Amino acid sequence: MTYIDGFVAAVKAADKEAYRAHCERMGGVFKEYGALEVIDTWGDDVPEGQLTSFPMAVKREDDETVVLGWIRWPSKAARDEAWQKVMADPRLQSAAAPPYDGKRMIYGGFEMISKV
């Protein structure tokens, strides 16, 4: 059964190009280790909420944009095996820090239950 890793974060608007380059570098590594696809998006219509919202969830600051991304894996087992390899990959160990505050990133793994 297909498995999805998803995340939401806030990135400084001025760092859009650095974030795109980071996504391409990371996405290539994930695909090398078995990801079926890696999707990264830049917020365009992400409204503030009154009780909950993407901006509130990541404590978006005025000069930041909300980003959303996901990785589609063939299975949870394939994802678990790949993450161990990704975390040990020397290309990522030597890479510059990501252009976002990881403490405010929300992420998780999800079992896909529907695809239309």
PDB file of N, CA and C in Angstrom:
ATOM      1  N   MET A   1       0.848  -1.179   0.000  1.00  0.00           N
ATOM      2  CA  MET A   1       0.000   0.000   0.000  1.00  0.00           C
ATOM      3  C   MET A   1       0.895   1.244   0.000  1.00  0.00           C
ATOM      4  N   THR A   2       0.592   2.176  -0.860  1.00  0.00           N
ATOM      5  CA  THR A   2       1.365   3.412  -0.963  1.00  0.00           C
ATOM      6  C   THR A   2       1.385   4.146   0.363  1.00  0.00           C
ATOM      7  N   TYR A   3       2.521   4.778   0.653  1.00  0.00           N
ATOM      8  CA  TYR A   3       2.717   5.509   1.903  1.00  0.00           C
ATOM      9  C   TYR A   3       3.205   6.913   1.577  1.00  0.00           C
ATOM     10  N   ILE A   4       2.760   7.900   2.364  1.00  0.00           N
ATOM     11  CA  ILE A   4       3.093   9.301   2.111  1.00  0.00           C
ATOM     12  C   ILE A   4       3.779   9.905   3.333  1.00  0.00           C
ATOM     13  N   ASP A   5       4.888  10.595   3.119  1.00  0.00           N
ATOM     14  CA  ASP A   5       5.472  11.473   4.126  1.00  0.00           C
ATOM     15  C   ASP A   5       5.060  12.878   3.740  1.00  0.00           C
ATOM     16  N   GLY A   6       4.522  13.636   4.675  1.00  0.00           N
ATOM     17  CA  GLY A   6       4.096  14.996   4.382  1.00  0.00           C
ATOM     18  C   GLY A   6       4.687  15.982   5.362  1.00  0.00           C
ATOM     19  N   PHE A   7       4.824  17.229   4.912  1.00  0.00           N
ATOM     20  CA  PHE A   7       5.335  18.262   5.807  1.00  0.00           C
ATOM     21  C   PHE A   7       4.839  19.644   5.402  1.00  0.00           C
ATOM     22  N   VAL A   8       4.810  20.530   6.394  1.00  0.00           N
ATOM     23  CA  VAL A   8       4.484  21.938   6.212  1.00  0.00           C
ATOM     24  C   VAL A   8       5.540  22.718   6.983  1.00  0.00           C
ATOM     25  N   ALA A   9       6.033  23.804   6.389  1.00  0.00           N
ATOM     26  CA  ALA A   9       7.050  24.635   7.040  1.00  0.00           C
ATOM     27  C   ALA A   9       6.869  26.082   6.583  1.00  0.00           C
ATOM     28  N   ALA A  10       7.647  26.960   7.149  1.00  0.00           N
ATOM     29  CA  ALA A  10       7.664  28.373   6.755  1.00  0.00           C
ATOM     30  C   ALA A  10       9.063  28.710   6.265  1.00  0.00           C
ATOM     31  N   VAL A  11       9.132  29.390   5.119  1.00  0.00           N
ATOM     32  CA  VAL A  11      10.413  29.762   4.512  1.00  0.00           C
ATOM     33  C   VAL A  11      10.390  31.254   4.216  1.00  0.00           C
ATOM     34  N   LYS A  12      11.487  31.935   4.506  1.00  0.00           N
ATOM     35  CA  LYS A  12      11.567  33.354   4.180  1.00  0.00           C
ATOM     36  C   LYS A  12      11.356  33.539   2.679  1.00  0.00           C
ATOM     37  N   ALA A  13      10.529  34.486   2.311  1.00  0.00           N
ATOM     38  CA  ALA A  13      10.231  34.726   0.894  1.00  0.00           C
ATOM     39  C   ALA A  13      11.506  34.989   0.103  1.00  0.00           C
ATOM     40  N   ALA A  14      12.460  35.649   0.715  1.00  0.00           N
ATOM     41  CA  ALA A  14      13.724  35.946   0.042  1.00  0.00           C
ATOM     42  C   ALA A  14      14.547  34.693  -0.229  1.00  0.00           C
ATOM     43  N   ASP A  15      14.234  33.595   0.446  1.00  0.00           N
ATOM     44  CA  ASP A  15      14.982  32.347   0.290  1.00  0.00           C
ATOM     45  C   ASP A  15      14.300  31.348  -0.646  1.00  0.00           C
ATOM     46  N   LYS A  16      13.378  31.809  -1.470  1.00  0.00           N
ATOM     47  CA  LYS A  16      12.636  30.902  -2.348  1.00  0.00           C
ATOM     48  C   LYS A  16      13.570  30.090  -3.242  1.00  0.00           C
ATOM     49  N   GLU A  17      14.536  30.722  -3.862  1.00  0.00           N
ATOM     50  CA  GLU A  17      15.443  30.006  -4.762  1.00  0.00           C
ATOM     51  C   GLU A  17      16.309  29.010  -3.980  1.00  0.00           C
ATOM     52  N   ALA A  18      16.794  29.397  -2.811  1.00  0.00           N
ATOM     53  CA  ALA A  18      17.590  28.485  -1.986  1.00  0.00           C
ATOM     54  C   ALA A  18      16.734  27.289  -1.557  1.00  0.00           C
ATOM     55  N   TYR A  19      15.468  27.554  -1.248  1.00  0.00           N
ATOM     56  CA  TYR A  19      14.565  26.462  -0.865  1.00  0.00           C
ATOM     57  C   TYR A  19      14.316  25.523  -2.045  1.00  0.00           C
ATOM     58  N   ARG A  20      14.094  26.081  -3.231  1.00  0.00           N
ATOM     59  CA  ARG A  20      13.883  25.255  -4.412  1.00  0.00           C
ATOM     60  C   ARG A  20      15.094  24.357  -4.659  1.00  0.00           C
ATOM     61  N   ALA A  21      16.305  24.924  -4.541  1.00  0.00           N
ATOM     62  CA  ALA A  21      17.528  24.140  -4.743  1.00  0.00           C
ATOM     63  C   ALA A  21      17.637  23.039  -3.672  1.00  0.00           C
ATOM     64  N   HIS A  22      17.295  23.371  -2.445  1.00  0.00           N
ATOM     65  CA  HIS A  22      17.303  22.387  -1.349  1.00  0.00           C
ATOM     66  C   HIS A  22      16.334  21.238  -1.671  1.00  0.00           C
ATOM     67  N   CYS A  23      15.143  21.583  -2.140  1.00  0.00           N
ATOM     68  CA  CYS A  23      14.139  20.567  -2.484  1.00  0.00           C
ATOM     69  C   CYS A  23      14.624  19.660  -3.601  1.00  0.00           C
ATOM     70  N   GLU A  24      15.238  20.225  -4.610  1.00  0.00           N
ATOM     71  CA  GLU A  24      15.732  19.406  -5.714  1.00  0.00           C
ATOM     72  C   GLU A  24      16.844  18.471  -5.258  1.00  0.00           C
ATOM     73  N   ARG A  25      17.730  18.966  -4.398  1.00  0.00           N
ATOM     74  CA  ARG A  25      18.816  18.125  -3.878  1.00  0.00           C
ATOM     75  C   ARG A  25      18.234  16.984  -3.036  1.00  0.00           C
ATOM     76  N   MET A  26      17.359  17.329  -2.104  1.00  0.00           N
ATOM     77  CA  MET A  26      16.759  16.304  -1.238  1.00  0.00           C
ATOM     78  C   MET A  26      15.894  15.339  -2.050  1.00  0.00           C
ATOM     79  N   GLY A  27      15.105  15.879  -2.972  1.00  0.00           N
ATOM     80  CA  GLY A  27      14.228  15.040  -3.783  1.00  0.00           C
ATOM     81  C   GLY A  27      14.996  14.012  -4.584  1.00  0.00           C
ATOM     82  N   GLY A  28      16.143  14.418  -5.122  1.00  0.00           N
ATOM     83  CA  GLY A  28      16.969  13.476  -5.872  1.00  0.00           C
ATOM     84  C   GLY A  28      17.449  12.326  -5.013  1.00  0.00           C
ATOM     85  N   VAL A  29      17.820  12.632  -3.786  1.00  0.00           N
ATOM     86  CA  VAL A  29      18.281  11.587  -2.861  1.00  0.00           C
ATOM     87  C   VAL A  29      17.126  10.653  -2.501  1.00  0.00           C
ATOM     88  N   PHE A  30      15.967  11.232  -2.186  1.00  0.00           N
ATOM     89  CA  PHE A  30      14.811  10.394  -1.853  1.00  0.00           C
ATOM     90  C   PHE A  30      14.451   9.468  -3.014  1.00  0.00           C
ATOM     91  N   LYS A  31      14.459   9.983  -4.227  1.00  0.00           N
ATOM     92  CA  LYS A  31      14.117   9.149  -5.381  1.00  0.00           C
ATOM     93  C   LYS A  31      15.169   8.065  -5.602  1.00  0.00           C
ATOM     94  N   GLU A  32      16.418   8.393  -5.361  1.00  0.00           N
ATOM     95  CA  GLU A  32      17.481   7.397  -5.487  1.00  0.00           C
ATOM     96  C   GLU A  32      17.247   6.222  -4.548  1.00  0.00           C
ATOM     97  N   TYR A  33      16.662   6.507  -3.382  1.00  0.00           N
ATOM     98  CA  TYR A  33      16.424   5.463  -2.390  1.00  0.00           C
ATOM     99  C   TYR A  33      15.012   4.880  -2.458  1.00  0.00           C
ATOM    100  N   GLY A  34      14.277   5.165  -3.530  1.00  0.00           N
ATOM    101  CA  GLY A  34      13.025   4.463  -3.748  1.00  0.00           C
ATOM    102  C   GLY A  34      11.738   5.266  -3.735  1.00  0.00           C
ATOM    103  N   ALA A  35      11.806   6.577  -3.478  1.00  0.00           N
ATOM    104  CA  ALA A  35      10.581   7.377  -3.526  1.00  0.00           C
ATOM    105  C   ALA A  35      10.009   7.348  -4.940  1.00  0.00           C
ATOM    106  N   LEU A  36       8.700   7.259  -5.043  1.00  0.00           N
ATOM    107  CA  LEU A  36       8.044   7.263  -6.342  1.00  0.00           C
ATOM    108  C   LEU A  36       7.940   8.675  -6.903  1.00  0.00           C
ATOM    109  N   GLU A  37       7.684   9.633  -6.026  1.00  0.00           N
ATOM    110  CA  GLU A  37       7.665  11.043  -6.425  1.00  0.00           C
ATOM    111  C   GLU A  37       7.883  11.904  -5.200  1.00  0.00           C
ATOM    112  N   VAL A  38       8.427  13.087  -5.454  1.00  0.00           N
ATOM    113  CA  VAL A  38       8.664  14.069  -4.404  1.00  0.00           C
ATOM    114  C   VAL A  38       8.071  15.380  -4.910  1.00  0.00           C
ATOM    115  N   ILE A  39       7.120  15.913  -4.173  1.00  0.00           N
ATOM    116  CA  ILE A  39       6.425  17.132  -4.568  1.00  0.00           C
ATOM    117  C   ILE A  39       6.711  18.211  -3.520  1.00  0.00           C
ATOM    118  N   ASP A  40       7.116  19.378  -3.982  1.00  0.00           N
ATOM    119  CA  ASP A  40       7.328  20.531  -3.105  1.00  0.00           C
ATOM    120  C   ASP A  40       6.555  21.703  -3.679  1.00  0.00           C
ATOM    121  N   THR A  41       5.868  22.444  -2.814  1.00  0.00           N
ATOM    122  CA  THR A  41       5.044  23.558  -3.271  1.00  0.00           C
ATOM    123  C   THR A  41       5.351  24.820  -2.472  1.00  0.00           C
ATOM    124  N   TRP A  42       5.083  25.961  -3.092  1.00  0.00           N
ATOM    125  CA  TRP A  42       5.298  27.285  -2.493  1.00  0.00           C
ATOM    126  C   TRP A  42       3.930  27.924  -2.298  1.00  0.00           C
ATOM    127  N   GLY A  43       3.621  28.329  -1.083  1.00  0.00           N
ATOM    128  CA  GLY A  43       2.301  28.885  -0.777  1.00  0.00           C
ATOM    129  C   GLY A  43       1.930  30.071  -1.656  1.00  0.00           C
ATOM    130  N   ASP A  44       0.705  30.048  -2.158  1.00  0.00           N
ATOM    131  CA  ASP A  44       0.198  31.110  -3.019  1.00  0.00           C
ATOM    132  C   ASP A  44      -1.105  31.685  -2.470  1.00  0.00           C
ATOM    133  N   ASP A  45      -1.957  30.824  -1.952  1.00  0.00           N
ATOM    134  CA  ASP A  45      -3.252  31.230  -1.406  1.00  0.00           C
ATOM    135  C   ASP A  45      -3.436  30.478  -0.095  1.00  0.00           C
ATOM    136  N   VAL A  46      -2.758  30.942   0.948  1.00  0.00           N
ATOM    137  CA  VAL A  46      -2.722  30.255   2.235  1.00  0.00           C
ATOM    138  C   VAL A  46      -3.197  31.240   3.308  1.00  0.00           C
ATOM    139  N   PRO A  47      -4.506  31.322   3.511  1.00  0.00           N
ATOM    140  CA  PRO A  47      -5.054  32.344   4.405  1.00  0.00           C
ATOM    141  C   PRO A  47      -4.773  32.073   5.882  1.00  0.00           C
ATOM    142  N   GLU A  48      -4.747  33.163   6.633  1.00  0.00           N
ATOM    143  CA  GLU A  48      -4.680  33.079   8.100  1.00  0.00           C
ATOM    144  C   GLU A  48      -6.020  32.560   8.602  1.00  0.00           C
ATOM    145  N   GLY A  49      -5.993  31.801   9.655  1.00  0.00           N
ATOM    146  CA  GLY A  49      -7.230  31.314  10.249  1.00  0.00           C
ATOM    147  C   GLY A  49      -7.526  32.026  11.547  1.00  0.00           C
ATOM    148  N   GLN A  50      -8.678  31.732  12.097  1.00  0.00           N
ATOM    149  CA  GLN A  50      -9.023  32.288  13.405  1.00  0.00           C
ATOM    150  C   GLN A  50      -8.691  31.312  14.522  1.00  0.00           C
ATOM    151  N   LEU A  51      -8.896  30.017  14.256  1.00  0.00           N
ATOM    152  CA  LEU A  51      -8.564  28.992  15.246  1.00  0.00           C
ATOM    153  C   LEU A  51      -7.370  28.163  14.814  1.00  0.00           C
ATOM    154  N   THR A  52      -7.353  27.746  13.531  1.00  0.00           N
ATOM    155  CA  THR A  52      -6.245  26.964  12.995  1.00  0.00           C
ATOM    156  C   THR A  52      -5.992  27.386  11.554  1.00  0.00           C
ATOM    157  N   SER A  53      -4.790  27.184  11.103  1.00  0.00           N
ATOM    158  CA  SER A  53      -4.430  27.444   9.705  1.00  0.00           C
ATOM    159  C   SER A  53      -2.993  26.978   9.511  1.00  0.00           C
ATOM    160  N   PHE A  54      -2.600  26.840   8.255  1.00  0.00           N
ATOM    161  CA  PHE A  54      -1.203  26.528   7.971  1.00  0.00           C
ATOM    162  C   PHE A  54      -0.275  27.605   8.547  1.00  0.00           C
ATOM    163  N   PRO A  55      -0.542  28.903   8.307  1.00  0.00           N
ATOM    164  CA  PRO A  55       0.360  29.923   8.857  1.00  0.00           C
ATOM    165  C   PRO A  55       0.480  29.847  10.384  1.00  0.00           C
ATOM    166  N   MET A  56      -0.637  29.611  11.048  1.00  0.00           N
ATOM    167  CA  MET A  56      -0.597  29.521  12.512  1.00  0.00           C
ATOM    168  C   MET A  56       0.182  28.286  12.960  1.00  0.00           C
ATOM    169  N   ALA A  57       0.001  27.186  12.255  1.00  0.00           N
ATOM    170  CA  ALA A  57       0.628  25.929  12.651  1.00  0.00           C
ATOM    171  C   ALA A  57       2.149  26.011  12.626  1.00  0.00           C
ATOM    172  N   VAL A  58       2.704  26.755  11.661  1.00  0.00           N
ATOM    173  CA  VAL A  58       4.162  26.860  11.550  1.00  0.00           C
ATOM    174  C   VAL A  58       4.688  28.194  12.085  1.00  0.00           C
ATOM    175  N   LYS A  59       3.800  28.961  12.738  1.00  0.00           N
ATOM    176  CA  LYS A  59       4.168  30.266  13.297  1.00  0.00           C
ATOM    177  C   LYS A  59       4.841  31.145  12.245  1.00  0.00           C
ATOM    178  N   ARG A  60       4.178  31.225  11.078  1.00  0.00           N
ATOM    179  CA  ARG A  60       4.710  31.997   9.954  1.00  0.00           C
ATOM    180  C   ARG A  60       4.907  33.448  10.363  1.00  0.00           C
ATOM    181  N   GLU A  61       6.075  33.977  10.029  1.00  0.00           N
ATOM    182  CA  GLU A  61       6.375  35.381  10.284  1.00  0.00           C
ATOM    183  C   GLU A  61       6.041  36.199   9.042  1.00  0.00           C
ATOM    184  N   ASP A  62       5.978  37.510   9.175  1.00  0.00           N
ATOM    185  CA  ASP A  62       5.540  38.388   8.084  1.00  0.00           C
ATOM    186  C   ASP A  62       6.358  38.226   6.805  1.00  0.00           C
ATOM    187  N   ASP A  63       7.635  37.914   6.929  1.00  0.00           N
ATOM    188  CA  ASP A  63       8.495  37.803   5.745  1.00  0.00           C
ATOM    189  C   ASP A  63       8.629  36.367   5.246  1.00  0.00           C
ATOM    190  N   GLU A  64       7.715  35.487   5.673  1.00  0.00           N
ATOM    191  CA  GLU A  64       7.787  34.072   5.309  1.00  0.00           C
ATOM    192  C   GLU A  64       6.572  33.625   4.506  1.00  0.00           C
ATOM    193  N   THR A  65       6.755  32.507   3.799  1.00  0.00           N
ATOM    194  CA  THR A  65       5.710  31.858   3.018  1.00  0.00           C
ATOM    195  C   THR A  65       5.580  30.419   3.516  1.00  0.00           C
ATOM    196  N   VAL A  66       4.371  29.914   3.545  1.00  0.00           N
ATOM    197  CA  VAL A  66       4.141  28.527   3.935  1.00  0.00           C
ATOM    198  C   VAL A  66       4.455  27.626   2.741  1.00  0.00           C
ATOM    199  N   VAL A  67       5.177  26.545   3.006  1.00  0.00           N
ATOM    200  CA  VAL A  67       5.470  25.536   1.982  1.00  0.00           C
ATOM    201  C   VAL A  67       4.847  24.210   2.413  1.00  0.00           C
ATOM    202  N   LEU A  68       4.490  23.423   1.428  1.00  0.00           N
ATOM    203  CA  LEU A  68       3.874  22.122   1.650  1.00  0.00           C
ATOM    204  C   LEU A  68       4.568  21.127   0.735  1.00  0.00           C
ATOM    205  N   GLY A  69       4.898  19.979   1.266  1.00  0.00           N
ATOM    206  CA  GLY A  69       5.535  18.973   0.430  1.00  0.00           C
ATOM    207  C   GLY A  69       5.150  17.575   0.860  1.00  0.00           C
ATOM    208  N   TRP A  70       5.356  16.631  -0.051  1.00  0.00           N
ATOM    209  CA  TRP A  70       5.113  15.239   0.283  1.00  0.00           C
ATOM    210  C   TRP A  70       5.978  14.336  -0.576  1.00  0.00           C
ATOM    211  N   ILE A  71       6.210  13.158  -0.040  1.00  0.00           N
ATOM    212  CA  ILE A  71       6.986  12.119  -0.721  1.00  0.00           C
ATOM    213  C   ILE A  71       6.089  10.892  -0.788  1.00  0.00           C
ATOM    214  N   ARG A  72       5.950  10.334  -1.971  1.00  0.00           N
ATOM    215  CA  ARG A  72       5.130   9.128  -2.139  1.00  0.00           C
ATOM    216  C   ARG A  72       6.063   7.927  -2.264  1.00  0.00           C
ATOM    217  N   TRP A  73       5.821   6.950  -1.408  1.00  0.00           N
ATOM    218  CA  TRP A  73       6.614   5.722  -1.355  1.00  0.00           C
ATOM    219  C   TRP A  73       5.758   4.542  -1.790  1.00  0.00           C
ATOM    220  N   PRO A  74       6.371   3.456  -2.277  1.00  0.00           N
ATOM    221  CA  PRO A  74       5.590   2.278  -2.647  1.00  0.00           C
ATOM    222  C   PRO A  74       4.958   1.585  -1.436  1.00  0.00           C
ATOM    223  N   SER A  75       5.560   1.745  -0.246  1.00  0.00           N
ATOM    224  CA  SER A  75       5.036   1.116   0.968  1.00  0.00           C
ATOM    225  C   SER A  75       5.702   1.747   2.179  1.00  0.00           C
ATOM    226  N   LYS A  76       5.142   1.509   3.354  1.00  0.00           N
ATOM    227  CA  LYS A  76       5.757   1.998   4.592  1.00  0.00           C
ATOM    228  C   LYS A  76       7.102   1.315   4.815  1.00  0.00           C
ATOM    229  N   ALA A  77       7.192   0.031   4.488  1.00  0.00           N
ATOM    230  CA  ALA A  77       8.458  -0.691   4.652  1.00  0.00           C
ATOM    231  C   ALA A  77       9.547  -0.074   3.771  1.00  0.00           C
ATOM    232  N   ALA A  78       9.207   0.263   2.534  1.00  0.00           N
ATOM    233  CA  ALA A  78      10.186   0.898   1.633  1.00  0.00           C
ATOM    234  C   ALA A  78      10.592   2.255   2.175  1.00  0.00           C
ATOM    235  N   ARG A  79       9.643   2.993   2.711  1.00  0.00           N
ATOM    236  CA  ARG A  79       9.936   4.309   3.299  1.00  0.00           C
ATOM    237  C   ARG A  79      10.853   4.178   4.519  1.00  0.00           C
ATOM    238  N   ASP A  80      10.536   3.241   5.404  1.00  0.00           N
ATOM    239  CA  ASP A  80      11.351   3.072   6.609  1.00  0.00           C
ATOM    240  C   ASP A  80      12.787   2.698   6.253  1.00  0.00           C
ATOM    241  N   GLU A  81      12.955   1.810   5.299  1.00  0.00           N
ATOM    242  CA  GLU A  81      14.289   1.404   4.864  1.00  0.00           C
ATOM    243  C   GLU A  81      15.027   2.581   4.215  1.00  0.00           C
ATOM    244  N   ALA A  82      14.323   3.328   3.391  1.00  0.00           N
ATOM    245  CA  ALA A  82      14.947   4.460   2.700  1.00  0.00           C
ATOM    246  C   ALA A  82      15.368   5.559   3.668  1.00  0.00           C
ATOM    247  N   TRP A  83      14.535   5.865   4.672  1.00  0.00           N
ATOM    248  CA  TRP A  83      14.877   6.939   5.608  1.00  0.00           C
ATOM    249  C   TRP A  83      16.195   6.657   6.323  1.00  0.00           C
ATOM    250  N   GLN A  84      16.450   5.423   6.670  1.00  0.00           N
ATOM    251  CA  GLN A  84      17.729   5.085   7.309  1.00  0.00           C
ATOM    252  C   GLN A  84      18.886   5.420   6.377  1.00  0.00           C
ATOM    253  N   LYS A  85      18.740   5.108   5.103  1.00  0.00           N
ATOM    254  CA  LYS A  85      19.785   5.389   4.121  1.00  0.00           C
ATOM    255  C   LYS A  85      19.916   6.889   3.866  1.00  0.00           C
ATOM    256  N   VAL A  86      18.786   7.573   3.786  1.00  0.00           N
ATOM    257  CA  VAL A  86      18.807   9.027   3.567  1.00  0.00           C
ATOM    258  C   VAL A  86      19.542   9.723   4.704  1.00  0.00           C
ATOM    259  N   MET A  87      19.219   9.361   5.930  1.00  0.00           N
ATOM    260  CA  MET A  87      19.836  10.021   7.087  1.00  0.00           C
ATOM    261  C   MET A  87      21.337   9.743   7.171  1.00  0.00           C
ATOM    262  N   ALA A  88      21.789   8.631   6.617  1.00  0.00           N
ATOM    263  CA  ALA A  88      23.214   8.283   6.636  1.00  0.00           C
ATOM    264  C   ALA A  88      23.954   8.753   5.385  1.00  0.00           C
ATOM    265  N   ASP A  89      23.241   9.276   4.402  1.00  0.00           N
ATOM    266  CA  ASP A  89      23.857   9.655   3.132  1.00  0.00           C
ATOM    267  C   ASP A  89      24.846  10.804   3.336  1.00  0.00           C
ATOM    268  N   PRO A  90      26.102  10.624   2.935  1.00  0.00           N
ATOM    269  CA  PRO A  90      27.114  11.665   3.159  1.00  0.00           C
ATOM    270  C   PRO A  90      26.815  12.963   2.404  1.00  0.00           C
ATOM    271  N   ARG A  91      26.058  12.899   1.317  1.00  0.00           N
ATOM    272  CA  ARG A  91      25.711  14.129   0.593  1.00  0.00           C
ATOM    273  C   ARG A  91      24.844  15.044   1.442  1.00  0.00           C
ATOM    274  N   LEU A  92      24.037  14.464   2.298  1.00  0.00           N
ATOM    275  CA  LEU A  92      23.177  15.282   3.150  1.00  0.00           C
ATOM    276  C   LEU A  92      23.890  15.687   4.438  1.00  0.00           C
ATOM    277  N   GLN A  93      24.839  14.876   4.855  1.00  0.00           N
ATOM    278  CA  GLN A  93      25.614  15.223   6.049  1.00  0.00           C
ATOM    279  C   GLN A  93      26.451  16.484   5.808  1.00  0.00           C
ATOM    280  N   SER A  94      26.923  16.631   4.576  1.00  0.00           N
ATOM    281  CA  SER A  94      27.783  17.777   4.264  1.00  0.00           C
ATOM    282  C   SER A  94      27.010  18.951   3.670  1.00  0.00           C
ATOM    283  N   ALA A  95      25.711  18.798   3.483  1.00  0.00           N
ATOM    284  CA  ALA A  95      24.907  19.861   2.878  1.00  0.00           C
ATOM    285  C   ALA A  95      24.709  21.017   3.857  1.00  0.00           C
ATOM    286  N   ALA A  96      24.500  22.191   3.311  1.00  0.00           N
ATOM    287  CA  ALA A  96      24.214  23.367   4.127  1.00  0.00           C
ATOM    288  C   ALA A  96      22.889  23.160   4.868  1.00  0.00           C
ATOM    289  N   ALA A  97      22.726  23.888   5.943  1.00  0.00           N
ATOM    290  CA  ALA A  97      21.476  23.814   6.705  1.00  0.00           C
ATOM    291  C   ALA A  97      20.311  24.199   5.804  1.00  0.00           C
ATOM    292  N   PRO A  98      19.152  23.562   5.989  1.00  0.00           N
ATOM    293  CA  PRO A  98      17.999  23.905   5.156  1.00  0.00           C
ATOM    294  C   PRO A  98      17.571  25.360   5.401  1.00  0.00           C
ATOM    295  N   PRO A  99      16.966  25.987   4.388  1.00  0.00           N
ATOM    296  CA  PRO A  99      16.587  27.401   4.514  1.00  0.00           C
ATOM    297  C   PRO A  99      15.238  27.595   5.216  1.00  0.00           C
ATOM    298  N   TYR A 100      15.023  26.884   6.314  1.00  0.00           N
ATOM    299  CA  TYR A 100      13.808  27.046   7.119  1.00  0.00           C
ATOM    300  C   TYR A 100      14.121  26.596   8.541  1.00  0.00           C
ATOM    301  N   ASP A 101      13.269  26.981   9.464  1.00  0.00           N
ATOM    302  CA  ASP A 101      13.428  26.620  10.869  1.00  0.00           C
ATOM    303  C   ASP A 101      12.771  25.260  11.097  1.00  0.00           C
ATOM    304  N   GLY A 102      13.575  24.219  11.205  1.00  0.00           N
ATOM    305  CA  GLY A 102      13.058  22.868  11.379  1.00  0.00           C
ATOM    306  C   GLY A 102      12.241  22.686  12.646  1.00  0.00           C
ATOM    307  N   LYS A 103      12.425  23.550  13.637  1.00  0.00           N
ATOM    308  CA  LYS A 103      11.654  23.450  14.876  1.00  0.00           C
ATOM    309  C   LYS A 103      10.186  23.797  14.650  1.00  0.00           C
ATOM    310  N   ARG A 104       9.906  24.550  13.576  1.00  0.00           N
ATOM    311  CA  ARG A 104       8.520  24.934  13.286  1.00  0.00           C
ATOM    312  C   ARG A 104       7.921  24.113  12.153  1.00  0.00           C
ATOM    313  N   MET A 105       8.643  23.115  11.680  1.00  0.00           N
ATOM    314  CA  MET A 105       8.136  22.248  10.620  1.00  0.00           C
ATOM    315  C   MET A 105       7.210  21.188  11.233  1.00  0.00           C
ATOM    316  N   ILE A 106       6.132  20.891  10.537  1.00  0.00           N
ATOM    317  CA  ILE A 106       5.203  19.839  10.938  1.00  0.00           C
ATOM    318  C   ILE A 106       5.362  18.715   9.914  1.00  0.00           C
ATOM    319  N   TYR A 107       5.512  17.498  10.376  1.00  0.00           N
ATOM    320  CA  TYR A 107       5.697  16.393   9.436  1.00  0.00           C
ATOM    321  C   TYR A 107       5.109  15.115  10.005  1.00  0.00           C
ATOM    322  N   GLY A 108       4.882  14.154   9.132  1.00  0.00           N
ATOM    323  CA  GLY A 108       4.383  12.870   9.569  1.00  0.00           C
ATOM    324  C   GLY A 108       4.246  11.913   8.407  1.00  0.00           C
ATOM    325  N   GLY A 109       4.035  10.654   8.727  1.00  0.00           N
ATOM    326  CA  GLY A 109       3.824   9.615   7.741  1.00  0.00           C
ATOM    327  C   GLY A 109       2.367   9.204   7.712  1.00  0.00           C
ATOM    328  N   PHE A 110       1.869   8.935   6.507  1.00  0.00           N
ATOM    329  CA  PHE A 110       0.445   8.678   6.331  1.00  0.00           C
ATOM    330  C   PHE A 110       0.211   7.494   5.402  1.00  0.00           C
ATOM    331  N   GLU A 111      -0.712   6.634   5.798  1.00  0.00           N
ATOM    332  CA  GLU A 111      -1.162   5.541   4.950  1.00  0.00           C
ATOM    333  C   GLU A 111      -2.187   6.121   3.967  1.00  0.00           C
ATOM    334  N   MET A 112      -1.971   5.907   2.681  1.00  0.00           N
ATOM    335  CA  MET A 112      -2.929   6.412   1.700  1.00  0.00           C
ATOM    336  C   MET A 112      -4.164   5.521   1.710  1.00  0.00           C
ATOM    337  N   ILE A 113      -5.336   6.164   1.830  1.00  0.00           N
ATOM    338  CA  ILE A 113      -6.590   5.395   1.870  1.00  0.00           C
ATOM    339  C   ILE A 113      -7.483   5.690   0.659  1.00  0.00           C
ATOM    340  N   SER A 114      -7.142   6.733  -0.123  1.00  0.00           N
ATOM    341  CA  SER A 114      -7.949   7.046  -1.294  1.00  0.00           C
ATOM    342  C   SER A 114      -7.135   7.841  -2.288  1.00  0.00           C
ATOM    343  N   LYS A 115      -7.328   7.561  -3.564  1.00  0.00           N
ATOM    344  CA  LYS A 115      -6.725   8.338  -4.644  1.00  0.00           C
ATOM    345  C   LYS A 115      -7.714   8.316  -5.789  1.00  0.00           C
ATOM    346  N   VAL A 116      -8.199   9.470  -6.151  1.00  0.00           N
ATOM    347  CA  VAL A 116      -9.231   9.567  -7.182  1.00  0.00           C
ATOM    348  C   VAL A 116      -8.620  10.070  -8.474  1.00  0.00           C
TER     349      VAL A 116
END
